[in-house]
Structures are given as structure tokens and as C-alpha cells.
């Protein structure tokens, strides 16, 4: 694929995922966070399965059904529930900033699982990135009743799930067509969340606005976005594909400010910059001038 098309897909994915926090907030207000995630993945599956059929890649999913469905739980079901929960008590901008830690966890997973020993720049990045998270959480999180501490932890756990899924995809499912990965992952997430969604379905009938928000989440933020994401993993590898989360906070903050009236504090901006700097070093996007690239992993 031509580099300019990869760059356009990369930017489009960042813009789409940045909007997902806004739509989770709008939908979750009436659906609750579990039903929000459940409806999102069902819609995503309903959109993608026919596309998979007409693309002629159904056999690719059948041959790799078990690991692909597992990826759906790890890369969609769990993180969607966690982020939908988080945006009920913290801003969409803060959720987007915490989502930028995905490559940070990816570097640690690559070190521990894939034996990709980081160089000095990447180790410095891990330290800097987590320092930024700690400073951000210290100012934003409280575990007292009504506090946002659990929401911050939910975002970090969701980011870890994304990192695990990306590395697993590259290591075990590199031969699977991106369309099969996208559709199969949403099907797997739908199966995983079917019972919880039924159990926690709202007792009242949500209005048209929340339904529209979930429709956009399912069709665009899940269906279209995961086609783009798995294509990027195929063409760039998981480490580089995960760096799309560097741009997600920009769009999340923009949407939250324009549509929800959220405020970006100077402290959030400073800590967010530290997090992105650290993750850039940890993921190998930035390097010390005299340090040679570290081979392997990712």
C-alpha cells in the first residue's frame, strides 16, 4: 500500500477513535456502560459480517475462529466496557490521554513476552511515561466515594488489553486477513457480552439520541475503525499501529471541548505531553541520537 494511503488511514482512525469517548458518554448516560459496550459490538458485528462474506474471506475466519474470537474479547469486549465505565465519571479528554498509554504497555509486553529487550531510550520512555500517568492520576483520581480513581484504573486496564491483543495478533494471527480479524473480533465480543448486556439492560426505553450514539459507535467506531486498525497492524506491525493512540487524545479533547463543554487544564496538558513523550520513546518512535535501533519484538 502507498505510504500516503497508510497515513490517511492512520489519521482517520485517530479521528474516529477520538470520537468514541464522546459517543460512549452520550449513549452510556441511558444505556449504562455494559449495555453500551454490548450494543456497540453487536452493531459492529452486524455491519462487518456481511462485508466479510462478500469479501470472500469467510474461510480465513473459519480456519482461525478460536483465536480470532478470543481477540474479540481482549481487544473489544473488555476495553469497551472499561472505557464506557470510565467516561461516566471522568472527562473524555482525560480518557483519551490515558488511552495514549497503549504503546507504553505494548513496550513492556514486548519486553516480557517477546523478549524484546529495550535500549536506554525505551527504558527512559517507560519511566517518563509512567511518571506522567502517576502525576496525572494523582491530580485527577480519588478512591473516596464519588471519586474517579476506579475510572482512571479502568482506562489503564483497557489500554493494557489493547496492547496484549495487538501483540497476540501479530504473533499468532499475522496470516489472517484483516477483514476476518475485524469481523471475527466483533463477533467474539458480541458473544462475550451477550449475557451481561441482557442482564444489565436498562429498565426504561432509551431515547433516540442515545440510540443514535450507539449506532455511530457500532458502525463507525467499531466496524470501520477495526478494518483500518487491523490493516495498519498488517502493514506497519503492532508497535507502530498502536502509536495511533498518540493522536487520539487530540481528537478526544477537541470533541469534548466543542460538544460537551469540557475544560482542558494546564496540568492535564502538561501530564499528557509527558505521557506521549514517554510512550514515544518506549515504542521506539523517538530515540536518543547516538542510540542504534533495537531489533526484534513487536
C-alpha atoms as a PDB file:
ATOM      1  CA  UNK A   1       0.000   0.000   0.000  1.00  0.00           C
ATOM      2  CA  UNK A   2       1.242   3.511  -0.821  1.00  0.00           C
ATOM      3  CA  UNK A   3       2.566   5.418   2.240  1.00  0.00           C
ATOM      4  CA  UNK A   4       0.164   8.325   1.654  1.00  0.00           C
ATOM      5  CA  UNK A   5      -2.845   5.997   1.918  1.00  0.00           C
ATOM      6  CA  UNK A   6      -1.457   4.442   5.097  1.00  0.00           C
ATOM      7  CA  UNK A   7      -1.045   7.939   6.546  1.00  0.00           C
ATOM      8  CA  UNK A   8      -4.643   8.836   5.649  1.00  0.00           C
ATOM      9  CA  UNK A   9      -5.958   5.649   7.268  1.00  0.00           C
ATOM     10  CA  UNK A  10      -3.817   6.355  10.340  1.00  0.00           C
ATOM     11  CA  UNK A  11      -5.245   9.881  10.697  1.00  0.00           C
ATOM     12  CA  UNK A  12      -8.797   8.710  10.024  1.00  0.00           C
ATOM     13  CA  UNK A  13      -8.505   6.018  12.696  1.00  0.00           C
ATOM     14  CA  UNK A  14      -7.266   8.552  15.269  1.00  0.00           C
ATOM     15  CA  UNK A  15     -10.180  10.877  14.486  1.00  0.00           C
ATOM     16  CA  UNK A  16     -12.719   8.033  14.696  1.00  0.00           C
ATOM     17  CA  UNK A  17     -11.401   6.586  17.950  1.00  0.00           C
ATOM     18  CA  UNK A  18     -11.144  10.064  19.436  1.00  0.00           C
ATOM     19  CA  UNK A  19     -14.881  10.452  18.872  1.00  0.00           C
ATOM     20  CA  UNK A  20     -15.692   7.142  20.557  1.00  0.00           C
ATOM     21  CA  UNK A  21     -15.323   8.654  24.050  1.00  0.00           C
ATOM     22  CA  UNK A  22     -17.921  11.289  23.173  1.00  0.00           C
ATOM     23  CA  UNK A  23     -20.414   8.741  21.868  1.00  0.00           C
ATOM     24  CA  UNK A  24     -19.822   6.401  24.830  1.00  0.00           C
ATOM     25  CA  UNK A  25     -20.660   9.293  27.154  1.00  0.00           C
ATOM     26  CA  UNK A  26     -23.817  10.153  25.190  1.00  0.00           C
ATOM     27  CA  UNK A  27     -25.013   6.562  24.919  1.00  0.00           C
ATOM     28  CA  UNK A  28     -23.942   5.397  28.357  1.00  0.00           C
ATOM     29  CA  UNK A  29     -25.994   8.064  30.120  1.00  0.00           C
ATOM     30  CA  UNK A  30     -29.142   5.999  29.460  1.00  0.00           C
ATOM     31  CA  UNK A  31     -27.887   2.552  28.487  1.00  0.00           C
ATOM     32  CA  UNK A  32     -25.302   2.077  31.244  1.00  0.00           C
ATOM     33  CA  UNK A  33     -21.714   1.119  30.496  1.00  0.00           C
ATOM     34  CA  UNK A  34     -22.189  -2.640  29.988  1.00  0.00           C
ATOM     35  CA  UNK A  35     -25.170  -2.361  27.642  1.00  0.00           C
ATOM     36  CA  UNK A  36     -23.372   0.444  25.779  1.00  0.00           C
ATOM     37  CA  UNK A  37     -20.437  -1.846  25.058  1.00  0.00           C
ATOM     38  CA  UNK A  38     -22.718  -4.774  24.236  1.00  0.00           C
ATOM     39  CA  UNK A  39     -24.873  -2.907  21.725  1.00  0.00           C
ATOM     40  CA  UNK A  40     -21.757  -1.362  20.181  1.00  0.00           C
ATOM     41  CA  UNK A  41     -20.128  -4.692  19.362  1.00  0.00           C
ATOM     42  CA  UNK A  42     -23.373  -6.280  18.156  1.00  0.00           C
ATOM     43  CA  UNK A  43     -23.876  -3.433  15.690  1.00  0.00           C
ATOM     44  CA  UNK A  44     -20.232  -3.709  14.690  1.00  0.00           C
ATOM     45  CA  UNK A  45     -20.650  -7.434  14.027  1.00  0.00           C
ATOM     46  CA  UNK A  46     -23.858  -6.901  12.052  1.00  0.00           C
ATOM     47  CA  UNK A  47     -22.028  -4.391   9.857  1.00  0.00           C
ATOM     48  CA  UNK A  48     -18.859  -6.404   9.360  1.00  0.00           C
ATOM     49  CA  UNK A  49     -20.083  -9.975   8.919  1.00  0.00           C
ATOM     50  CA  UNK A  50     -21.862  -9.293   5.594  1.00  0.00           C
ATOM     51  CA  UNK A  51     -18.822  -7.333   4.410  1.00  0.00           C
ATOM     52  CA  UNK A  52     -16.664 -10.329   5.326  1.00  0.00           C
ATOM     53  CA  UNK A  53     -18.960 -12.654   3.376  1.00  0.00           C
ATOM     54  CA  UNK A  54     -18.883 -10.553   0.210  1.00  0.00           C
ATOM     55  CA  UNK A  55     -15.108 -10.046   0.502  1.00  0.00           C
ATOM     56  CA  UNK A  56     -14.599 -13.799   0.142  1.00  0.00           C
ATOM     57  CA  UNK A  57     -12.560 -14.041   3.365  1.00  0.00           C
ATOM     58  CA  UNK A  58     -15.004 -16.119   5.426  1.00  0.00           C
ATOM     59  CA  UNK A  59     -12.719 -19.148   5.202  1.00  0.00           C
ATOM     60  CA  UNK A  60      -9.940 -17.160   6.859  1.00  0.00           C
ATOM     61  CA  UNK A  61     -12.204 -16.621   9.872  1.00  0.00           C
ATOM     62  CA  UNK A  62     -13.358 -20.260   9.983  1.00  0.00           C
ATOM     63  CA  UNK A  63      -9.781 -21.562   9.945  1.00  0.00           C
ATOM     64  CA  UNK A  64      -8.805 -19.298  12.854  1.00  0.00           C
ATOM     65  CA  UNK A  65     -12.121 -18.993  14.668  1.00  0.00           C
ATOM     66  CA  UNK A  66     -10.973 -19.678  18.242  1.00  0.00           C
ATOM     67  CA  UNK A  67      -8.054 -17.205  18.455  1.00  0.00           C
ATOM     68  CA  UNK A  68      -9.944 -14.541  16.489  1.00  0.00           C
ATOM     69  CA  UNK A  69     -12.970 -14.786  18.788  1.00  0.00           C
ATOM     70  CA  UNK A  70     -10.603 -14.592  21.758  1.00  0.00           C
ATOM     71  CA  UNK A  71      -9.122 -11.398  20.322  1.00  0.00           C
ATOM     72  CA  UNK A  72     -12.654 -10.009  20.238  1.00  0.00           C
ATOM     73  CA  UNK A  73     -12.939 -10.397  23.992  1.00  0.00           C
ATOM     74  CA  UNK A  74      -9.477  -8.923  24.650  1.00  0.00           C
ATOM     75  CA  UNK A  75      -9.479  -6.149  22.059  1.00  0.00           C
ATOM     76  CA  UNK A  76     -13.143  -5.108  22.126  1.00  0.00           C
ATOM     77  CA  UNK A  77     -15.382  -6.550  24.856  1.00  0.00           C
ATOM     78  CA  UNK A  78     -13.207  -5.774  27.891  1.00  0.00           C
ATOM     79  CA  UNK A  79     -11.790  -2.384  26.846  1.00  0.00           C
ATOM     80  CA  UNK A  80     -15.162  -1.137  25.554  1.00  0.00           C
ATOM     81  CA  UNK A  81     -16.797  -1.937  28.903  1.00  0.00           C
ATOM     82  CA  UNK A  82     -13.923  -0.344  30.821  1.00  0.00           C
ATOM     83  CA  UNK A  83     -13.858   2.874  28.808  1.00  0.00           C
ATOM     84  CA  UNK A  84     -17.663   3.147  28.807  1.00  0.00           C
ATOM     85  CA  UNK A  85     -17.480   2.899  32.590  1.00  0.00           C
ATOM     86  CA  UNK A  86     -14.647   5.431  32.824  1.00  0.00           C
ATOM     87  CA  UNK A  87     -16.364   8.210  30.866  1.00  0.00           C
ATOM     88  CA  UNK A  88     -19.245   8.180  33.333  1.00  0.00           C
ATOM     89  CA  UNK A  89     -17.023   9.892  35.896  1.00  0.00           C
ATOM     90  CA  UNK A  90     -14.023  11.439  34.094  1.00  0.00           C
ATOM     91  CA  UNK A  91     -13.801  13.682  31.049  1.00  0.00           C
ATOM     92  CA  UNK A  92     -13.492  12.335  27.536  1.00  0.00           C
ATOM     93  CA  UNK A  93     -10.220  14.264  27.209  1.00  0.00           C
ATOM     94  CA  UNK A  94      -8.680  12.569  30.252  1.00  0.00           C
ATOM     95  CA  UNK A  95      -9.870   9.184  28.981  1.00  0.00           C
ATOM     96  CA  UNK A  96      -8.195   9.903  25.652  1.00  0.00           C
ATOM     97  CA  UNK A  97      -4.932  10.869  27.341  1.00  0.00           C
ATOM     98  CA  UNK A  98      -4.907   7.656  29.363  1.00  0.00           C
ATOM     99  CA  UNK A  99      -5.657   5.727  26.179  1.00  0.00           C
ATOM    100  CA  UNK A 100      -2.334   7.037  24.860  1.00  0.00           C
ATOM    101  CA  UNK A 101      -0.559   4.636  27.245  1.00  0.00           C
ATOM    102  CA  UNK A 102      -1.308   1.724  24.891  1.00  0.00           C
ATOM    103  CA  UNK A 103       2.197   1.760  23.302  1.00  0.00           C
ATOM    104  CA  UNK A 104       3.694   2.092  26.789  1.00  0.00           C
ATOM    105  CA  UNK A 105       2.130  -1.183  27.868  1.00  0.00           C
ATOM    106  CA  UNK A 106       2.968  -2.582  24.450  1.00  0.00           C
ATOM    107  CA  UNK A 107       6.674  -1.962  25.053  1.00  0.00           C
ATOM    108  CA  UNK A 108       6.516  -3.762  28.419  1.00  0.00           C
ATOM    109  CA  UNK A 109       4.609  -6.705  26.940  1.00  0.00           C
ATOM    110  CA  UNK A 110       7.095  -6.955  24.071  1.00  0.00           C
ATOM    111  CA  UNK A 111       9.922  -6.974  26.639  1.00  0.00           C
ATOM    112  CA  UNK A 112       8.389  -9.637  28.893  1.00  0.00           C
ATOM    113  CA  UNK A 113       6.605 -11.823  26.328  1.00  0.00           C
ATOM    114  CA  UNK A 114       8.549 -11.375  23.106  1.00  0.00           C
ATOM    115  CA  UNK A 115      11.955 -10.908  24.798  1.00  0.00           C
ATOM    116  CA  UNK A 116      12.427  -7.585  23.011  1.00  0.00           C
ATOM    117  CA  UNK A 117      14.917  -6.077  25.458  1.00  0.00           C
ATOM    118  CA  UNK A 118      14.600  -2.272  25.317  1.00  0.00           C
ATOM    119  CA  UNK A 119      17.557   0.041  24.924  1.00  0.00           C
ATOM    120  CA  UNK A 120      18.294   3.003  27.166  1.00  0.00           C
ATOM    121  CA  UNK A 121      15.918   5.344  25.297  1.00  0.00           C
ATOM    122  CA  UNK A 122      13.000   2.933  25.608  1.00  0.00           C
ATOM    123  CA  UNK A 123      13.695   2.299  29.302  1.00  0.00           C
ATOM    124  CA  UNK A 124      13.793   6.069  29.846  1.00  0.00           C
ATOM    125  CA  UNK A 125      10.499   6.266  27.964  1.00  0.00           C
ATOM    126  CA  UNK A 126       8.877   3.717  30.264  1.00  0.00           C
ATOM    127  CA  UNK A 127       9.984   5.694  33.313  1.00  0.00           C
ATOM    128  CA  UNK A 128       8.885   9.040  31.847  1.00  0.00           C
ATOM    129  CA  UNK A 129       5.575   7.686  30.582  1.00  0.00           C
ATOM    130  CA  UNK A 130       4.558   6.099  33.851  1.00  0.00           C
ATOM    131  CA  UNK A 131       5.712   9.193  35.749  1.00  0.00           C
ATOM    132  CA  UNK A 132       3.298  11.205  33.614  1.00  0.00           C
ATOM    133  CA  UNK A 133       0.492   8.754  34.362  1.00  0.00           C
ATOM    134  CA  UNK A 134       1.189   8.883  38.102  1.00  0.00           C
ATOM    135  CA  UNK A 135       1.230  12.698  38.122  1.00  0.00           C
ATOM    136  CA  UNK A 136      -1.964  12.834  36.081  1.00  0.00           C
ATOM    137  CA  UNK A 137      -3.720  10.247  38.244  1.00  0.00           C
ATOM    138  CA  UNK A 138      -2.550  11.920  41.456  1.00  0.00           C
ATOM    139  CA  UNK A 139      -4.240  15.131  40.430  1.00  0.00           C
ATOM    140  CA  UNK A 140      -7.339  13.511  38.918  1.00  0.00           C
ATOM    141  CA  UNK A 141      -8.016  10.334  40.861  1.00  0.00           C
ATOM    142  CA  UNK A 142      -9.623   9.792  44.226  1.00  0.00           C
ATOM    143  CA  UNK A 143     -10.785   6.457  45.593  1.00  0.00           C
ATOM    144  CA  UNK A 144     -13.163   8.088  48.048  1.00  0.00           C
ATOM    145  CA  UNK A 145     -16.924   7.707  47.403  1.00  0.00           C
ATOM    146  CA  UNK A 146     -17.744   9.591  44.226  1.00  0.00           C
ATOM    147  CA  UNK A 147     -14.069   9.803  43.235  1.00  0.00           C
ATOM    148  CA  UNK A 148     -12.623   9.000  39.838  1.00  0.00           C
ATOM    149  CA  UNK A 149      -9.822   6.625  40.858  1.00  0.00           C
ATOM    150  CA  UNK A 150     -11.520   3.480  39.588  1.00  0.00           C
ATOM    151  CA  UNK A 151     -12.265   5.180  36.274  1.00  0.00           C
ATOM    152  CA  UNK A 152      -8.572   6.014  35.816  1.00  0.00           C
ATOM    153  CA  UNK A 153      -7.607   2.422  36.603  1.00  0.00           C
ATOM    154  CA  UNK A 154     -10.261   1.192  34.166  1.00  0.00           C
ATOM    155  CA  UNK A 155      -8.689   3.262  31.370  1.00  0.00           C
ATOM    156  CA  UNK A 156      -5.226   1.875  32.147  1.00  0.00           C
ATOM    157  CA  UNK A 157      -6.523  -1.709  32.226  1.00  0.00           C
ATOM    158  CA  UNK A 158      -8.293  -1.158  28.900  1.00  0.00           C
ATOM    159  CA  UNK A 159      -5.054   0.174  27.400  1.00  0.00           C
ATOM    160  CA  UNK A 160      -3.234  -2.921  28.627  1.00  0.00           C
ATOM    161  CA  UNK A 161      -5.865  -5.117  26.941  1.00  0.00           C
ATOM    162  CA  UNK A 162      -5.304  -3.308  23.640  1.00  0.00           C
ATOM    163  CA  UNK A 163      -1.548  -3.858  23.933  1.00  0.00           C
ATOM    164  CA  UNK A 164      -1.902  -7.557  24.700  1.00  0.00           C
ATOM    165  CA  UNK A 165      -4.298  -8.005  21.791  1.00  0.00           C
ATOM    166  CA  UNK A 166      -2.045  -6.217  19.298  1.00  0.00           C
ATOM    167  CA  UNK A 167       0.992  -8.316  20.206  1.00  0.00           C
ATOM    168  CA  UNK A 168      -1.054 -11.530  20.190  1.00  0.00           C
ATOM    169  CA  UNK A 169      -2.456 -10.613  16.771  1.00  0.00           C
ATOM    170  CA  UNK A 170       0.985 -10.063  15.285  1.00  0.00           C
ATOM    171  CA  UNK A 171       2.459 -13.196  16.866  1.00  0.00           C
ATOM    172  CA  UNK A 172      -0.399 -15.652  16.302  1.00  0.00           C
ATOM    173  CA  UNK A 173      -2.678 -14.177  13.627  1.00  0.00           C
ATOM    174  CA  UNK A 174      -0.352 -12.450  11.197  1.00  0.00           C
ATOM    175  CA  UNK A 175      -1.602 -14.683   8.381  1.00  0.00           C
ATOM    176  CA  UNK A 176      -5.292 -13.901   8.962  1.00  0.00           C
ATOM    177  CA  UNK A 177      -6.895 -11.399   6.592  1.00  0.00           C
ATOM    178  CA  UNK A 178      -7.656  -8.002   8.249  1.00  0.00           C
ATOM    179  CA  UNK A 179     -11.321  -8.276   7.275  1.00  0.00           C
ATOM    180  CA  UNK A 180     -11.607 -11.637   9.055  1.00  0.00           C
ATOM    181  CA  UNK A 181      -9.914 -10.171  12.137  1.00  0.00           C
ATOM    182  CA  UNK A 182     -12.196  -7.132  12.193  1.00  0.00           C
ATOM    183  CA  UNK A 183     -15.450  -9.070  11.737  1.00  0.00           C
ATOM    184  CA  UNK A 184     -14.433 -12.019  13.913  1.00  0.00           C
ATOM    185  CA  UNK A 185     -13.321  -9.808  16.771  1.00  0.00           C
ATOM    186  CA  UNK A 186     -16.688  -8.037  16.874  1.00  0.00           C
ATOM    187  CA  UNK A 187     -18.495 -11.374  16.710  1.00  0.00           C
ATOM    188  CA  UNK A 188     -16.370 -12.696  19.571  1.00  0.00           C
ATOM    189  CA  UNK A 189     -17.023  -9.575  21.626  1.00  0.00           C
ATOM    190  CA  UNK A 190     -20.759  -9.885  20.956  1.00  0.00           C
ATOM    191  CA  UNK A 191     -20.785 -13.459  22.241  1.00  0.00           C
ATOM    192  CA  UNK A 192     -18.783 -12.468  25.324  1.00  0.00           C
ATOM    193  CA  UNK A 193     -21.105  -9.567  26.196  1.00  0.00           C
ATOM    194  CA  UNK A 194     -24.446 -11.123  25.219  1.00  0.00           C
ATOM    195  CA  UNK A 195     -25.433 -12.333  28.695  1.00  0.00           C
ATOM    196  CA  UNK A 196     -24.095  -9.292  30.632  1.00  0.00           C
ATOM    197  CA  UNK A 197     -25.893  -6.955  28.198  1.00  0.00           C
ATOM    198  CA  UNK A 198     -29.182  -8.805  28.673  1.00  0.00           C
ATOM    199  CA  UNK A 199     -28.737  -8.817  32.452  1.00  0.00           C
ATOM    200  CA  UNK A 200     -27.896  -5.106  32.719  1.00  0.00           C
ATOM    201  CA  UNK A 201     -30.294  -3.851  30.038  1.00  0.00           C
ATOM    202  CA  UNK A 202     -31.883  -0.540  31.156  1.00  0.00           C
ATOM    203  CA  UNK A 203     -35.341  -0.789  32.673  1.00  0.00           C
ATOM    204  CA  UNK A 204     -36.505   2.295  30.758  1.00  0.00           C
ATOM    205  CA  UNK A 205     -36.569   2.792  26.998  1.00  0.00           C
ATOM    206  CA  UNK A 206     -33.552   4.926  25.946  1.00  0.00           C
ATOM    207  CA  UNK A 207     -34.318   7.890  23.705  1.00  0.00           C
ATOM    208  CA  UNK A 208     -33.368   8.432  20.073  1.00  0.00           C
ATOM    209  CA  UNK A 209     -30.196  10.354  20.947  1.00  0.00           C
ATOM    210  CA  UNK A 210     -28.509   7.508  22.891  1.00  0.00           C
ATOM    211  CA  UNK A 211     -29.557   5.005  20.205  1.00  0.00           C
ATOM    212  CA  UNK A 212     -28.002   7.204  17.539  1.00  0.00           C
ATOM    213  CA  UNK A 213     -24.811   7.473  19.606  1.00  0.00           C
ATOM    214  CA  UNK A 214     -24.571   3.678  19.847  1.00  0.00           C
ATOM    215  CA  UNK A 215     -25.291   3.339  16.132  1.00  0.00           C
ATOM    216  CA  UNK A 216     -22.308   5.574  15.354  1.00  0.00           C
ATOM    217  CA  UNK A 217     -20.199   3.645  17.887  1.00  0.00           C
ATOM    218  CA  UNK A 218     -21.062   0.345  16.243  1.00  0.00           C
ATOM    219  CA  UNK A 219     -20.915   1.293  12.576  1.00  0.00           C
ATOM    220  CA  UNK A 220     -18.031   3.789  12.584  1.00  0.00           C
ATOM    221  CA  UNK A 221     -16.031   3.441  15.810  1.00  0.00           C
ATOM    222  CA  UNK A 222     -16.150  -0.373  15.758  1.00  0.00           C
ATOM    223  CA  UNK A 223     -16.941  -1.527  12.219  1.00  0.00           C
ATOM    224  CA  UNK A 224     -14.938   0.897  10.098  1.00  0.00           C
ATOM    225  CA  UNK A 225     -12.312   1.563  12.754  1.00  0.00           C
ATOM    226  CA  UNK A 226     -11.326  -2.074  13.214  1.00  0.00           C
ATOM    227  CA  UNK A 227     -10.950  -2.598   9.484  1.00  0.00           C
ATOM    228  CA  UNK A 228      -8.498   0.308   9.492  1.00  0.00           C
ATOM    229  CA  UNK A 229      -6.737  -0.869  12.670  1.00  0.00           C
ATOM    230  CA  UNK A 230      -6.081  -4.436  11.573  1.00  0.00           C
ATOM    231  CA  UNK A 231      -4.948  -3.142   8.180  1.00  0.00           C
ATOM    232  CA  UNK A 232      -2.426  -0.927   9.961  1.00  0.00           C
ATOM    233  CA  UNK A 233      -1.191  -3.852  12.074  1.00  0.00           C
ATOM    234  CA  UNK A 234      -0.715  -5.848   8.875  1.00  0.00           C
ATOM    235  CA  UNK A 235       1.199  -3.090   7.073  1.00  0.00           C
ATOM    236  CA  UNK A 236       3.049  -1.436   9.976  1.00  0.00           C
ATOM    237  CA  UNK A 237       3.219  -4.049  12.754  1.00  0.00           C
ATOM    238  CA  UNK A 238       1.611  -3.725  16.217  1.00  0.00           C
ATOM    239  CA  UNK A 239       4.141  -1.297  17.730  1.00  0.00           C
ATOM    240  CA  UNK A 240       3.683   1.322  15.026  1.00  0.00           C
ATOM    241  CA  UNK A 241      -0.042   0.700  14.682  1.00  0.00           C
ATOM    242  CA  UNK A 242      -0.529   1.299  18.416  1.00  0.00           C
ATOM    243  CA  UNK A 243       1.076   4.742  18.118  1.00  0.00           C
ATOM    244  CA  UNK A 244      -2.216   5.937  16.611  1.00  0.00           C
ATOM    245  CA  UNK A 245      -3.202   6.433  20.255  1.00  0.00           C
ATOM    246  CA  UNK A 246      -0.809   9.417  20.357  1.00  0.00           C
ATOM    247  CA  UNK A 247      -3.302  11.346  18.212  1.00  0.00           C
ATOM    248  CA  UNK A 248      -6.481  10.032  19.833  1.00  0.00           C
ATOM    249  CA  UNK A 249      -6.280  12.471  22.827  1.00  0.00           C
ATOM    250  CA  UNK A 250      -6.106  15.437  20.441  1.00  0.00           C
ATOM    251  CA  UNK A 251      -9.422  14.494  18.858  1.00  0.00           C
ATOM    252  CA  UNK A 252     -10.969  13.365  22.160  1.00  0.00           C
ATOM    253  CA  UNK A 253     -10.143  16.727  23.776  1.00  0.00           C
ATOM    254  CA  UNK A 254     -11.398  18.609  20.713  1.00  0.00           C
ATOM    255  CA  UNK A 255     -14.731  16.775  20.643  1.00  0.00           C
ATOM    256  CA  UNK A 256     -15.186  17.038  24.413  1.00  0.00           C
ATOM    257  CA  UNK A 257     -14.485  20.782  24.391  1.00  0.00           C
ATOM    258  CA  UNK A 258     -16.735  21.561  21.421  1.00  0.00           C
ATOM    259  CA  UNK A 259     -19.686  19.262  22.145  1.00  0.00           C
ATOM    260  CA  UNK A 260     -19.607  18.747  25.931  1.00  0.00           C
ATOM    261  CA  UNK A 261     -18.034  21.973  27.146  1.00  0.00           C
ATOM    262  CA  UNK A 262     -15.223  20.126  28.928  1.00  0.00           C
ATOM    263  CA  UNK A 263     -12.202  22.091  30.104  1.00  0.00           C
ATOM    264  CA  UNK A 264      -8.582  21.147  29.472  1.00  0.00           C
ATOM    265  CA  UNK A 265      -6.499  22.218  32.460  1.00  0.00           C
ATOM    266  CA  UNK A 266      -2.826  23.206  32.095  1.00  0.00           C
ATOM    267  CA  UNK A 267      -1.905  20.294  34.388  1.00  0.00           C
ATOM    268  CA  UNK A 268      -3.715  17.783  32.171  1.00  0.00           C
ATOM    269  CA  UNK A 269      -1.968  19.243  29.127  1.00  0.00           C
ATOM    270  CA  UNK A 270       1.446  19.052  30.806  1.00  0.00           C
ATOM    271  CA  UNK A 271       0.976  15.492  32.069  1.00  0.00           C
ATOM    272  CA  UNK A 272      -0.489  14.414  28.739  1.00  0.00           C
ATOM    273  CA  UNK A 273       2.607  15.751  26.988  1.00  0.00           C
ATOM    274  CA  UNK A 274       4.835  13.808  29.395  1.00  0.00           C
ATOM    275  CA  UNK A 275       2.833  10.614  28.775  1.00  0.00           C
ATOM    276  CA  UNK A 276       3.057  10.974  24.992  1.00  0.00           C
ATOM    277  CA  UNK A 277       6.794  11.770  25.177  1.00  0.00           C
ATOM    278  CA  UNK A 278       7.419   8.704  27.323  1.00  0.00           C
ATOM    279  CA  UNK A 279       5.353   6.395  25.158  1.00  0.00           C
ATOM    280  CA  UNK A 280       7.076   7.725  22.034  1.00  0.00           C
ATOM    281  CA  UNK A 281      10.449   6.766  23.498  1.00  0.00           C
ATOM    282  CA  UNK A 282       9.174   3.431  24.848  1.00  0.00           C
ATOM    283  CA  UNK A 283       7.672   2.477  21.483  1.00  0.00           C
ATOM    284  CA  UNK A 284      10.858   3.402  19.630  1.00  0.00           C
ATOM    285  CA  UNK A 285       9.244   6.279  17.722  1.00  0.00           C
ATOM    286  CA  UNK A 286      11.784   8.634  19.298  1.00  0.00           C
ATOM    287  CA  UNK A 287      15.375   7.608  20.045  1.00  0.00           C
ATOM    288  CA  UNK A 288      18.433   9.126  21.601  1.00  0.00           C
ATOM    289  CA  UNK A 289      20.660  10.494  18.852  1.00  0.00           C
ATOM    290  CA  UNK A 290      23.571   8.120  19.436  1.00  0.00           C
ATOM    291  CA  UNK A 291      21.497   5.021  20.129  1.00  0.00           C
ATOM    292  CA  UNK A 292      21.023   2.486  17.355  1.00  0.00           C
ATOM    293  CA  UNK A 293      17.571   0.961  16.830  1.00  0.00           C
ATOM    294  CA  UNK A 294      16.774  -2.111  18.923  1.00  0.00           C
ATOM    295  CA  UNK A 295      15.906  -5.096  16.756  1.00  0.00           C
ATOM    296  CA  UNK A 296      13.221  -7.677  17.362  1.00  0.00           C
ATOM    297  CA  UNK A 297       9.859  -7.733  19.122  1.00  0.00           C
ATOM    298  CA  UNK A 298       6.611  -6.041  18.306  1.00  0.00           C
END
